[in-house]
Amino acid sequence: MASARTTAALMVYAGFALAALTWRNALGASALHDGAPLGGTHAIALPLALSLGALSGVAVVGLTRELLARTPWAASMESALREGLSGTSAGELRVLGLAAAVGEEMLFRGAMLPVLSAWINFPVGALATAALFGLLHIPANRALRSWTASAFVMGLVFAALYRLTGEVLAPLTAHAVINLENLELLLRPARTRGARAGLRP
């Protein structure tokens, strides 16, 4: 049975998705596509978006592993995240990781980014949505301050994926891969930095 904290988080992410769908529908647009899909049609763009999103997610996960092996700040962030997630079951964490990807991408990239891009321009829209995405990831634990900065950077990456493909599926897939793979890392027993370094290909 899901904990109260997990249930509350799922309701927030569902609210994000509902707000995105309602907002874009009110404007006569979609929170899933924009008007210029990669390849000319959504039928072509969807598999391309899925592939590009998955590849981007895998690349970020690989970079994360390298940073964990080489930098003290990343290792410190991992330890703080591991501690903060203690007490939540593996199943709940996986569901939350997927729900966060869906809710956040639909709101920030599927709704907010195209609205701001049309109102001002895409670079400003990308920066604004990335900044808000980073602010959403401000933690109480000071050891996780770098998490906020990394969320800002990833917000820019996700915006670029949406712009390139015209499909929210691209950043959503990348976000889901990153969340789920990094959660799998956090669910494993803690290792020393030397052991992490041994995981490098």
N, C-alpha and C. Protein backbone atom coordinates (compact mmCIF):
# COMPACT_ATOMS: atom_id res chain seq x y z
N MET A 1 0.84 -1.21 0.00
CA MET A 1 0.00 0.00 0.00
C MET A 1 0.88 1.25 0.00
N ALA A 2 0.53 2.22 -0.85
CA ALA A 2 1.35 3.42 -0.99
C ALA A 2 1.27 4.26 0.29
N SER A 3 2.40 4.89 0.63
CA SER A 3 2.43 5.77 1.79
C SER A 3 1.70 7.07 1.48
N ALA A 4 1.40 7.82 2.53
CA ALA A 4 0.72 9.11 2.33
C ALA A 4 1.58 10.05 1.51
N ARG A 5 2.90 10.01 1.75
CA ARG A 5 3.80 10.90 1.00
C ARG A 5 3.80 10.55 -0.49
N THR A 6 3.82 9.25 -0.79
CA THR A 6 3.79 8.82 -2.18
C THR A 6 2.47 9.19 -2.85
N THR A 7 1.38 8.97 -2.15
CA THR A 7 0.06 9.31 -2.69
C THR A 7 -0.04 10.80 -2.98
N ALA A 8 0.47 11.63 -2.06
CA ALA A 8 0.43 13.08 -2.26
C ALA A 8 1.26 13.48 -3.47
N ALA A 9 2.44 12.87 -3.62
CA ALA A 9 3.29 13.20 -4.77
C ALA A 9 2.62 12.80 -6.08
N LEU A 10 2.00 11.64 -6.10
CA LEU A 10 1.31 11.19 -7.31
C LEU A 10 0.17 12.14 -7.68
N MET A 11 -0.51 12.64 -6.67
CA MET A 11 -1.59 13.59 -6.93
C MET A 11 -1.05 14.90 -7.50
N VAL A 12 0.12 15.33 -7.02
CA VAL A 12 0.74 16.54 -7.56
C VAL A 12 1.10 16.34 -9.03
N TYR A 13 1.72 15.20 -9.35
CA TYR A 13 2.13 14.96 -10.74
C TYR A 13 0.91 14.80 -11.65
N ALA A 14 -0.15 14.17 -11.15
CA ALA A 14 -1.38 14.08 -11.93
C ALA A 14 -1.96 15.47 -12.15
N GLY A 15 -1.85 16.33 -11.14
CA GLY A 15 -2.31 17.71 -11.27
C GLY A 15 -1.52 18.46 -12.33
N PHE A 16 -0.21 18.23 -12.37
CA PHE A 16 0.63 18.86 -13.40
C PHE A 16 0.12 18.48 -14.80
N ALA A 17 -0.10 17.17 -15.00
CA ALA A 17 -0.53 16.69 -16.32
C ALA A 17 -1.91 17.25 -16.68
N LEU A 18 -2.82 17.26 -15.72
CA LEU A 18 -4.16 17.78 -15.98
C LEU A 18 -4.11 19.28 -16.28
N ALA A 19 -3.29 20.01 -15.55
CA ALA A 19 -3.16 21.44 -15.80
C ALA A 19 -2.61 21.70 -17.20
N ALA A 20 -1.62 20.89 -17.61
CA ALA A 20 -1.04 21.05 -18.95
C ALA A 20 -2.08 20.79 -20.02
N LEU A 21 -2.83 19.70 -19.89
CA LEU A 21 -3.85 19.37 -20.88
C LEU A 21 -4.93 20.44 -20.95
N THR A 22 -5.37 20.93 -19.79
CA THR A 22 -6.41 21.95 -19.74
C THR A 22 -5.93 23.26 -20.34
N TRP A 23 -4.73 23.66 -19.97
CA TRP A 23 -4.14 24.92 -20.45
C TRP A 23 -4.02 24.93 -21.96
N ARG A 24 -3.42 23.87 -22.50
CA ARG A 24 -3.20 23.83 -23.95
C ARG A 24 -4.51 23.66 -24.71
N ASN A 25 -5.43 22.88 -24.15
CA ASN A 25 -6.73 22.71 -24.79
C ASN A 25 -7.48 24.03 -24.87
N ALA A 26 -7.35 24.84 -23.83
CA ALA A 26 -8.02 26.15 -23.82
C ALA A 26 -7.46 27.05 -24.92
N LEU A 27 -6.22 26.80 -25.32
CA LEU A 27 -5.59 27.59 -26.38
C LEU A 27 -5.77 26.94 -27.75
N GLY A 28 -6.51 25.85 -27.80
CA GLY A 28 -6.73 25.15 -29.06
C GLY A 28 -5.50 24.41 -29.54
N ALA A 29 -4.65 23.98 -28.61
CA ALA A 29 -3.41 23.29 -28.96
C ALA A 29 -3.29 22.01 -28.14
N SER A 30 -2.19 21.29 -28.35
CA SER A 30 -1.96 20.03 -27.66
C SER A 30 -0.78 20.14 -26.71
N ALA A 31 -0.88 19.45 -25.56
CA ALA A 31 0.24 19.39 -24.62
C ALA A 31 1.18 18.25 -24.99
N LEU A 32 0.87 17.53 -26.06
CA LEU A 32 1.70 16.39 -26.47
C LEU A 32 2.54 16.68 -27.70
N HIS A 33 2.08 17.60 -28.55
CA HIS A 33 2.78 17.93 -29.80
C HIS A 33 2.83 19.43 -29.98
N ASP A 34 3.80 19.87 -30.78
CA ASP A 34 3.73 21.25 -31.23
C ASP A 34 3.43 21.24 -32.73
N GLY A 35 3.51 22.37 -33.38
CA GLY A 35 3.07 22.44 -34.76
C GLY A 35 4.09 22.06 -35.80
N ALA A 36 5.31 21.70 -35.39
CA ALA A 36 6.36 21.42 -36.37
C ALA A 36 7.08 20.14 -36.01
N PRO A 37 6.44 18.98 -36.19
CA PRO A 37 7.07 17.72 -35.80
C PRO A 37 8.24 17.35 -36.70
N LEU A 38 9.20 16.66 -36.12
CA LEU A 38 10.35 16.16 -36.87
C LEU A 38 9.86 15.15 -37.90
N GLY A 39 10.26 15.33 -39.16
CA GLY A 39 9.83 14.42 -40.21
C GLY A 39 8.54 14.84 -40.88
N GLY A 40 7.92 15.94 -40.41
CA GLY A 40 6.74 16.46 -41.09
C GLY A 40 5.42 16.00 -40.55
N THR A 41 5.34 14.78 -40.01
CA THR A 41 4.09 14.28 -39.45
C THR A 41 4.37 13.66 -38.08
N HIS A 42 3.33 13.63 -37.25
CA HIS A 42 3.49 13.04 -35.93
C HIS A 42 3.71 11.53 -36.02
N ALA A 43 3.18 10.89 -37.05
CA ALA A 43 3.37 9.45 -37.21
C ALA A 43 4.86 9.11 -37.38
N ILE A 44 5.58 9.99 -38.06
CA ILE A 44 7.02 9.80 -38.23
C ILE A 44 7.76 10.31 -37.00
N ALA A 45 7.28 11.41 -36.43
CA ALA A 45 8.00 12.05 -35.33
C ALA A 45 7.97 11.21 -34.05
N LEU A 46 6.89 10.50 -33.79
CA LEU A 46 6.78 9.77 -32.53
C LEU A 46 7.88 8.72 -32.33
N PRO A 47 8.11 7.82 -33.31
CA PRO A 47 9.21 6.86 -33.09
C PRO A 47 10.58 7.53 -33.05
N LEU A 48 10.76 8.60 -33.80
CA LEU A 48 12.02 9.34 -33.75
C LEU A 48 12.20 9.99 -32.38
N ALA A 49 11.12 10.54 -31.84
CA ALA A 49 11.17 11.18 -30.53
C ALA A 49 11.48 10.16 -29.44
N LEU A 50 10.84 8.99 -29.53
CA LEU A 50 11.09 7.93 -28.56
C LEU A 50 12.54 7.49 -28.60
N SER A 51 13.08 7.30 -29.80
CA SER A 51 14.46 6.86 -29.94
C SER A 51 15.45 7.91 -29.45
N LEU A 52 15.23 9.16 -29.86
CA LEU A 52 16.14 10.23 -29.45
C LEU A 52 16.06 10.47 -27.95
N GLY A 53 14.86 10.39 -27.40
CA GLY A 53 14.71 10.56 -25.97
C GLY A 53 15.42 9.46 -25.19
N ALA A 54 15.26 8.22 -25.64
CA ALA A 54 15.92 7.10 -24.96
C ALA A 54 17.44 7.22 -25.04
N LEU A 55 17.95 7.57 -26.22
CA LEU A 55 19.41 7.72 -26.38
C LEU A 55 19.94 8.86 -25.51
N SER A 56 19.21 9.95 -25.46
CA SER A 56 19.63 11.08 -24.63
C SER A 56 19.63 10.70 -23.16
N GLY A 57 18.60 9.97 -22.73
CA GLY A 57 18.53 9.52 -21.34
C GLY A 57 19.69 8.62 -20.97
N VAL A 58 20.01 7.68 -21.85
CA VAL A 58 21.13 6.76 -21.61
C VAL A 58 22.44 7.54 -21.53
N ALA A 59 22.60 8.54 -22.40
CA ALA A 59 23.83 9.35 -22.38
C ALA A 59 23.96 10.11 -21.06
N VAL A 60 22.87 10.67 -20.57
CA VAL A 60 22.92 11.40 -19.29
C VAL A 60 23.20 10.45 -18.14
N VAL A 61 22.60 9.27 -18.17
CA VAL A 61 22.87 8.27 -17.13
C VAL A 61 24.35 7.89 -17.12
N GLY A 62 24.92 7.71 -18.31
CA GLY A 62 26.35 7.40 -18.39
C GLY A 62 27.20 8.52 -17.82
N LEU A 63 26.84 9.76 -18.13
CA LEU A 63 27.57 10.91 -17.59
C LEU A 63 27.43 10.96 -16.08
N THR A 64 26.24 10.64 -15.57
CA THR A 64 26.03 10.62 -14.12
C THR A 64 26.96 9.62 -13.45
N ARG A 65 27.09 8.45 -14.04
CA ARG A 65 27.98 7.43 -13.46
C ARG A 65 29.43 7.92 -13.43
N GLU A 66 29.83 8.61 -14.49
CA GLU A 66 31.19 9.14 -14.54
C GLU A 66 31.40 10.20 -13.45
N LEU A 67 30.43 11.07 -13.29
CA LEU A 67 30.54 12.11 -12.26
C LEU A 67 30.59 11.50 -10.87
N LEU A 68 29.80 10.45 -10.63
CA LEU A 68 29.83 9.78 -9.33
C LEU A 68 31.21 9.18 -9.05
N ALA A 69 31.84 8.68 -10.09
CA ALA A 69 33.14 8.05 -9.91
C ALA A 69 34.26 9.06 -9.74
N ARG A 70 34.07 10.28 -10.27
CA ARG A 70 35.19 11.22 -10.36
C ARG A 70 35.07 12.46 -9.49
N THR A 71 33.86 12.82 -9.04
CA THR A 71 33.69 14.10 -8.35
C THR A 71 33.10 13.92 -6.96
N PRO A 72 33.67 14.58 -5.96
CA PRO A 72 33.14 14.49 -4.60
C PRO A 72 31.72 15.04 -4.47
N TRP A 73 31.40 16.12 -5.21
CA TRP A 73 30.07 16.72 -5.06
C TRP A 73 28.98 15.77 -5.54
N ALA A 74 29.25 15.01 -6.61
CA ALA A 74 28.25 14.06 -7.10
C ALA A 74 28.07 12.91 -6.12
N ALA A 75 29.17 12.45 -5.55
CA ALA A 75 29.09 11.37 -4.55
C ALA A 75 28.34 11.84 -3.31
N SER A 76 28.57 13.09 -2.91
CA SER A 76 27.85 13.65 -1.77
C SER A 76 26.36 13.76 -2.05
N MET A 77 26.02 14.17 -3.27
CA MET A 77 24.62 14.28 -3.65
C MET A 77 23.96 12.90 -3.66
N GLU A 78 24.68 11.90 -4.14
CA GLU A 78 24.14 10.54 -4.14
C GLU A 78 23.83 10.08 -2.72
N SER A 79 24.76 10.33 -1.81
CA SER A 79 24.56 9.91 -0.41
C SER A 79 23.35 10.60 0.21
N ALA A 80 23.20 11.91 -0.08
CA ALA A 80 22.08 12.66 0.47
C ALA A 80 20.76 12.18 -0.11
N LEU A 81 20.74 11.88 -1.41
CA LEU A 81 19.52 11.38 -2.04
C LEU A 81 19.16 10.00 -1.49
N ARG A 82 20.17 9.16 -1.32
CA ARG A 82 19.94 7.82 -0.78
C ARG A 82 19.31 7.91 0.61
N GLU A 83 19.84 8.83 1.43
CA GLU A 83 19.32 9.00 2.78
C GLU A 83 17.89 9.53 2.75
N GLY A 84 17.62 10.47 1.85
CA GLY A 84 16.29 11.06 1.77
C GLY A 84 15.23 10.09 1.28
N LEU A 85 15.65 9.09 0.50
CA LEU A 85 14.69 8.13 -0.05
C LEU A 85 14.47 6.92 0.85
N SER A 86 15.23 6.85 1.93
CA SER A 86 15.09 5.70 2.82
C SER A 86 13.68 5.66 3.40
N GLY A 87 13.15 4.47 3.52
CA GLY A 87 11.80 4.31 4.06
C GLY A 87 10.73 4.23 2.98
N THR A 88 11.10 4.51 1.73
CA THR A 88 10.16 4.39 0.62
C THR A 88 10.49 3.12 -0.15
N SER A 89 9.49 2.32 -0.46
CA SER A 89 9.75 1.04 -1.12
C SER A 89 10.25 1.24 -2.54
N ALA A 90 10.94 0.21 -3.05
CA ALA A 90 11.47 0.27 -4.40
C ALA A 90 10.35 0.46 -5.42
N GLY A 91 9.24 -0.23 -5.22
CA GLY A 91 8.11 -0.10 -6.15
C GLY A 91 7.56 1.30 -6.17
N GLU A 92 7.40 1.89 -5.00
CA GLU A 92 6.89 3.26 -4.92
C GLU A 92 7.84 4.24 -5.61
N LEU A 93 9.14 4.06 -5.41
CA LEU A 93 10.12 4.96 -6.02
C LEU A 93 10.07 4.88 -7.54
N ARG A 94 9.92 3.67 -8.07
CA ARG A 94 9.85 3.52 -9.52
C ARG A 94 8.59 4.19 -10.08
N VAL A 95 7.47 4.01 -9.39
CA VAL A 95 6.23 4.66 -9.83
C VAL A 95 6.37 6.18 -9.77
N LEU A 96 6.98 6.68 -8.70
CA LEU A 96 7.18 8.12 -8.57
C LEU A 96 8.12 8.65 -9.64
N GLY A 97 9.17 7.90 -9.96
CA GLY A 97 10.10 8.34 -10.99
C GLY A 97 9.43 8.49 -12.34
N LEU A 98 8.55 7.54 -12.67
CA LEU A 98 7.83 7.60 -13.94
C LEU A 98 6.78 8.70 -13.91
N ALA A 99 6.06 8.81 -12.79
CA ALA A 99 5.01 9.84 -12.68
C ALA A 99 5.61 11.24 -12.76
N ALA A 100 6.77 11.43 -12.14
CA ALA A 100 7.43 12.74 -12.20
C ALA A 100 7.79 13.10 -13.63
N ALA A 101 8.30 12.13 -14.38
CA ALA A 101 8.67 12.39 -15.77
C ALA A 101 7.45 12.80 -16.58
N VAL A 102 6.34 12.09 -16.41
CA VAL A 102 5.13 12.40 -17.18
C VAL A 102 4.56 13.77 -16.78
N GLY A 103 4.35 13.97 -15.49
CA GLY A 103 3.73 15.21 -15.03
C GLY A 103 4.58 16.43 -15.31
N GLU A 104 5.87 16.35 -14.99
CA GLU A 104 6.74 17.52 -15.17
C GLU A 104 6.95 17.85 -16.63
N GLU A 105 7.13 16.84 -17.48
CA GLU A 105 7.36 17.14 -18.90
C GLU A 105 6.11 17.70 -19.57
N MET A 106 4.96 17.17 -19.21
CA MET A 106 3.74 17.72 -19.82
C MET A 106 3.52 19.17 -19.41
N LEU A 107 3.82 19.50 -18.15
CA LEU A 107 3.62 20.87 -17.70
C LEU A 107 4.69 21.81 -18.24
N PHE A 108 5.97 21.46 -18.02
CA PHE A 108 7.05 22.40 -18.36
C PHE A 108 7.35 22.45 -19.85
N ARG A 109 7.44 21.29 -20.49
CA ARG A 109 7.77 21.27 -21.91
C ARG A 109 6.52 21.20 -22.80
N GLY A 110 5.49 20.47 -22.38
CA GLY A 110 4.31 20.33 -23.23
C GLY A 110 3.39 21.53 -23.22
N ALA A 111 3.37 22.28 -22.12
CA ALA A 111 2.47 23.43 -22.03
C ALA A 111 3.21 24.75 -21.88
N MET A 112 4.04 24.85 -20.85
CA MET A 112 4.67 26.13 -20.54
C MET A 112 5.65 26.58 -21.62
N LEU A 113 6.48 25.67 -22.10
CA LEU A 113 7.50 26.05 -23.09
C LEU A 113 6.89 26.58 -24.39
N PRO A 114 5.93 25.90 -25.01
CA PRO A 114 5.37 26.46 -26.25
C PRO A 114 4.64 27.78 -26.05
N VAL A 115 4.00 27.95 -24.89
CA VAL A 115 3.30 29.21 -24.63
C VAL A 115 4.31 30.36 -24.52
N LEU A 116 5.38 30.15 -23.72
CA LEU A 116 6.39 31.19 -23.57
C LEU A 116 7.14 31.44 -24.87
N SER A 117 7.39 30.38 -25.64
CA SER A 117 8.10 30.53 -26.91
C SER A 117 7.29 31.36 -27.89
N ALA A 118 5.98 31.14 -27.91
CA ALA A 118 5.12 31.91 -28.81
C ALA A 118 4.98 33.35 -28.34
N TRP A 119 4.98 33.54 -27.03
CA TRP A 119 4.80 34.88 -26.47
C TRP A 119 6.07 35.72 -26.62
N ILE A 120 7.23 35.12 -26.37
CA ILE A 120 8.50 35.85 -26.46
C ILE A 120 9.34 35.22 -27.57
N ASN A 121 10.11 34.20 -27.24
CA ASN A 121 10.84 33.41 -28.23
C ASN A 121 11.33 32.13 -27.55
N PHE A 122 11.84 31.20 -28.36
CA PHE A 122 12.21 29.90 -27.79
C PHE A 122 13.37 29.98 -26.79
N PRO A 123 14.46 30.71 -27.07
CA PRO A 123 15.55 30.75 -26.08
C PRO A 123 15.10 31.25 -24.71
N VAL A 124 14.29 32.31 -24.71
CA VAL A 124 13.79 32.82 -23.43
C VAL A 124 12.86 31.80 -22.78
N GLY A 125 12.01 31.19 -23.59
CA GLY A 125 11.11 30.17 -23.06
C GLY A 125 11.86 29.00 -22.46
N ALA A 126 12.93 28.57 -23.14
CA ALA A 126 13.72 27.45 -22.64
C ALA A 126 14.41 27.81 -21.33
N LEU A 127 14.99 29.01 -21.27
CA LEU A 127 15.65 29.45 -20.04
C LEU A 127 14.66 29.59 -18.88
N ALA A 128 13.50 30.16 -19.17
CA ALA A 128 12.50 30.37 -18.12
C ALA A 128 11.97 29.05 -17.58
N THR A 129 11.64 28.13 -18.48
CA THR A 129 11.11 26.84 -18.02
C THR A 129 12.18 26.03 -17.31
N ALA A 130 13.44 26.13 -17.77
CA ALA A 130 14.52 25.43 -17.09
C ALA A 130 14.75 25.99 -15.69
N ALA A 131 14.63 27.32 -15.57
CA ALA A 131 14.80 27.95 -14.25
C ALA A 131 13.68 27.51 -13.30
N LEU A 132 12.45 27.49 -13.79
CA LEU A 132 11.34 27.06 -12.95
C LEU A 132 11.47 25.58 -12.59
N PHE A 133 11.94 24.79 -13.54
CA PHE A 133 12.17 23.37 -13.30
C PHE A 133 13.24 23.19 -12.22
N GLY A 134 14.29 24.01 -12.28
CA GLY A 134 15.32 23.96 -11.25
C GLY A 134 14.78 24.36 -9.89
N LEU A 135 13.94 25.41 -9.86
CA LEU A 135 13.35 25.86 -8.60
C LEU A 135 12.46 24.78 -7.98
N LEU A 136 11.83 23.98 -8.82
CA LEU A 136 11.01 22.88 -8.32
C LEU A 136 11.86 21.84 -7.59
N HIS A 137 13.16 21.83 -7.90
CA HIS A 137 14.07 20.85 -7.31
C HIS A 137 14.98 21.46 -6.25
N ILE A 138 14.52 22.53 -5.60
CA ILE A 138 15.29 23.09 -4.49
C ILE A 138 15.03 22.23 -3.25
N PRO A 139 16.09 21.63 -2.69
CA PRO A 139 15.90 20.73 -1.56
C PRO A 139 16.11 21.44 -0.22
N ALA A 140 15.63 20.81 0.83
CA ALA A 140 15.89 21.32 2.18
C ALA A 140 17.32 20.99 2.61
N ASN A 141 17.84 19.89 2.11
CA ASN A 141 19.19 19.45 2.46
C ASN A 141 20.23 20.22 1.64
N ARG A 142 21.13 20.92 2.28
CA ARG A 142 22.14 21.72 1.57
C ARG A 142 23.07 20.87 0.73
N ALA A 143 23.22 19.58 1.09
CA ALA A 143 24.08 18.69 0.31
C ALA A 143 23.50 18.44 -1.08
N LEU A 144 22.23 18.78 -1.28
CA LEU A 144 21.57 18.55 -2.56
C LEU A 144 21.46 19.81 -3.42
N ARG A 145 22.19 20.87 -3.06
CA ARG A 145 22.09 22.10 -3.84
C ARG A 145 22.50 21.90 -5.29
N SER A 146 23.46 21.01 -5.53
CA SER A 146 23.88 20.74 -6.91
C SER A 146 22.77 20.07 -7.72
N TRP A 147 21.81 19.44 -7.03
CA TRP A 147 20.67 18.83 -7.70
C TRP A 147 19.84 19.90 -8.40
N THR A 148 19.72 21.07 -7.78
CA THR A 148 18.98 22.18 -8.38
C THR A 148 19.67 22.65 -9.66
N ALA A 149 20.99 22.78 -9.61
CA ALA A 149 21.74 23.21 -10.79
C ALA A 149 21.63 22.17 -11.90
N SER A 150 21.72 20.90 -11.54
CA SER A 150 21.62 19.86 -12.57
C SER A 150 20.22 19.82 -13.17
N ALA A 151 19.19 20.11 -12.36
CA ALA A 151 17.82 20.16 -12.88
C ALA A 151 17.68 21.30 -13.89
N PHE A 152 18.33 22.45 -13.63
CA PHE A 152 18.29 23.56 -14.58
C PHE A 152 18.92 23.15 -15.91
N VAL A 153 20.09 22.52 -15.84
CA VAL A 153 20.76 22.08 -17.07
C VAL A 153 19.90 21.08 -17.82
N MET A 154 19.32 20.12 -17.10
CA MET A 154 18.48 19.13 -17.75
C MET A 154 17.22 19.76 -18.33
N GLY A 155 16.73 20.83 -17.70
CA GLY A 155 15.60 21.54 -18.26
C GLY A 155 15.91 22.10 -19.64
N LEU A 156 17.13 22.57 -19.83
CA LEU A 156 17.55 23.06 -21.15
C LEU A 156 17.64 21.92 -22.15
N VAL A 157 18.17 20.78 -21.70
CA VAL A 157 18.27 19.60 -22.57
C VAL A 157 16.88 19.14 -22.99
N PHE A 158 15.97 19.05 -22.03
CA PHE A 158 14.62 18.61 -22.34
C PHE A 158 13.91 19.58 -23.29
N ALA A 159 14.16 20.87 -23.11
CA ALA A 159 13.57 21.87 -24.01
C ALA A 159 14.10 21.68 -25.43
N ALA A 160 15.39 21.41 -25.56
CA ALA A 160 15.97 21.19 -26.88
C ALA A 160 15.38 19.96 -27.55
N LEU A 161 15.17 18.90 -26.78
CA LEU A 161 14.56 17.68 -27.33
C LEU A 161 13.14 17.96 -27.83
N TYR A 162 12.39 18.74 -27.07
CA TYR A 162 11.03 19.06 -27.49
C TYR A 162 11.04 19.93 -28.75
N ARG A 163 11.93 20.88 -28.78
CA ARG A 163 12.03 21.78 -29.94
C ARG A 163 12.43 21.00 -31.19
N LEU A 164 13.37 20.07 -31.04
CA LEU A 164 13.87 19.33 -32.19
C LEU A 164 12.84 18.38 -32.76
N THR A 165 12.11 17.70 -31.90
CA THR A 165 11.19 16.65 -32.37
C THR A 165 9.75 17.10 -32.51
N GLY A 166 9.35 18.15 -31.79
CA GLY A 166 7.96 18.57 -31.81
C GLY A 166 7.06 17.66 -31.00
N GLU A 167 7.66 16.77 -30.19
CA GLU A 167 6.89 15.81 -29.41
C GLU A 167 7.35 15.84 -27.96
N VAL A 168 6.40 15.92 -27.02
CA VAL A 168 6.76 15.87 -25.60
C VAL A 168 7.27 14.48 -25.24
N LEU A 169 7.00 13.48 -26.09
CA LEU A 169 7.49 12.13 -25.83
C LEU A 169 9.01 12.08 -25.75
N ALA A 170 9.70 12.94 -26.48
CA ALA A 170 11.17 12.92 -26.47
C ALA A 170 11.73 13.30 -25.10
N PRO A 171 11.42 14.49 -24.55
CA PRO A 171 11.93 14.79 -23.21
C PRO A 171 11.33 13.90 -22.14
N LEU A 172 10.08 13.47 -22.33
CA LEU A 172 9.45 12.59 -21.34
C LEU A 172 10.21 11.26 -21.26
N THR A 173 10.58 10.70 -22.40
CA THR A 173 11.32 9.43 -22.41
C THR A 173 12.69 9.61 -21.78
N ALA A 174 13.39 10.68 -22.16
CA ALA A 174 14.71 10.94 -21.57
C ALA A 174 14.60 11.09 -20.06
N HIS A 175 13.63 11.86 -19.62
CA HIS A 175 13.42 12.11 -18.18
C HIS A 175 13.12 10.80 -17.45
N ALA A 176 12.27 9.96 -18.05
CA ALA A 176 11.92 8.69 -17.41
C ALA A 176 13.12 7.76 -17.31
N VAL A 177 13.91 7.68 -18.38
CA VAL A 177 15.11 6.84 -18.36
C VAL A 177 16.06 7.29 -17.27
N ILE A 178 16.28 8.60 -17.19
CA ILE A 178 17.19 9.15 -16.17
C ILE A 178 16.67 8.86 -14.77
N ASN A 179 15.40 9.13 -14.54
CA ASN A 179 14.83 8.89 -13.21
C ASN A 179 14.93 7.43 -12.82
N LEU A 180 14.49 6.54 -13.69
CA LEU A 180 14.43 5.12 -13.34
C LEU A 180 15.81 4.51 -13.19
N GLU A 181 16.73 4.86 -14.07
CA GLU A 181 18.08 4.30 -13.98
C GLU A 181 18.82 4.83 -12.75
N ASN A 182 18.67 6.11 -12.46
CA ASN A 182 19.34 6.66 -11.28
C ASN A 182 18.70 6.16 -9.98
N LEU A 183 17.39 5.91 -10.01
CA LEU A 183 16.76 5.30 -8.84
C LEU A 183 17.27 3.88 -8.62
N GLU A 184 17.48 3.15 -9.71
CA GLU A 184 18.03 1.79 -9.58
C GLU A 184 19.40 1.84 -8.91
N LEU A 185 20.18 2.86 -9.25
CA LEU A 185 21.49 3.02 -8.62
C LEU A 185 21.32 3.29 -7.12
N LEU A 186 20.39 4.15 -6.78
CA LEU A 186 20.18 4.50 -5.37
C LEU A 186 19.59 3.34 -4.57
N LEU A 187 18.91 2.43 -5.25
CA LEU A 187 18.32 1.28 -4.56
C LEU A 187 19.34 0.19 -4.25
N ARG A 188 20.50 0.26 -4.92
CA ARG A 188 21.55 -0.72 -4.64
C ARG A 188 22.25 -0.37 -3.34
N PRO A 189 22.91 -1.34 -2.71
CA PRO A 189 23.69 -1.04 -1.50
C PRO A 189 24.75 0.01 -1.79
N ALA A 190 25.00 0.88 -0.82
CA ALA A 190 26.00 1.93 -0.99
C ALA A 190 27.36 1.31 -1.26
N ARG A 191 28.13 2.00 -2.10
CA ARG A 191 29.47 1.52 -2.45
C ARG A 191 30.49 2.61 -2.15
N THR A 192 31.73 2.23 -2.14
CA THR A 192 32.80 3.21 -1.97
C THR A 192 33.07 3.88 -3.31
N ARG A 193 33.76 4.99 -3.29
CA ARG A 193 34.13 5.65 -4.55
C ARG A 193 34.96 4.74 -5.41
N GLY A 194 35.84 3.94 -4.80
CA GLY A 194 36.65 3.03 -5.58
C GLY A 194 35.82 2.00 -6.30
N ALA A 195 34.78 1.50 -5.63
CA ALA A 195 33.90 0.52 -6.27
C ALA A 195 33.14 1.16 -7.42
N ARG A 196 32.72 2.43 -7.24
CA ARG A 196 32.03 3.12 -8.31
C ARG A 196 32.95 3.25 -9.53
N ALA A 197 34.18 3.59 -9.24
CA ALA A 197 35.12 3.78 -10.35
C ALA A 197 35.27 2.49 -11.15
N GLY A 198 35.15 1.37 -10.49
CA GLY A 198 35.28 0.10 -11.18
C GLY A 198 34.12 -0.19 -12.10
N LEU A 199 33.02 0.57 -12.00
CA LEU A 199 31.88 0.37 -12.87
C LEU A 199 32.07 1.04 -14.22
N ARG A 200 33.08 1.88 -14.35
CA ARG A 200 33.26 2.60 -15.60
C ARG A 200 33.61 1.63 -16.70
N PRO A 201 33.00 1.79 -17.90
CA PRO A 201 33.33 0.90 -19.02
C PRO A 201 34.75 1.11 -19.49
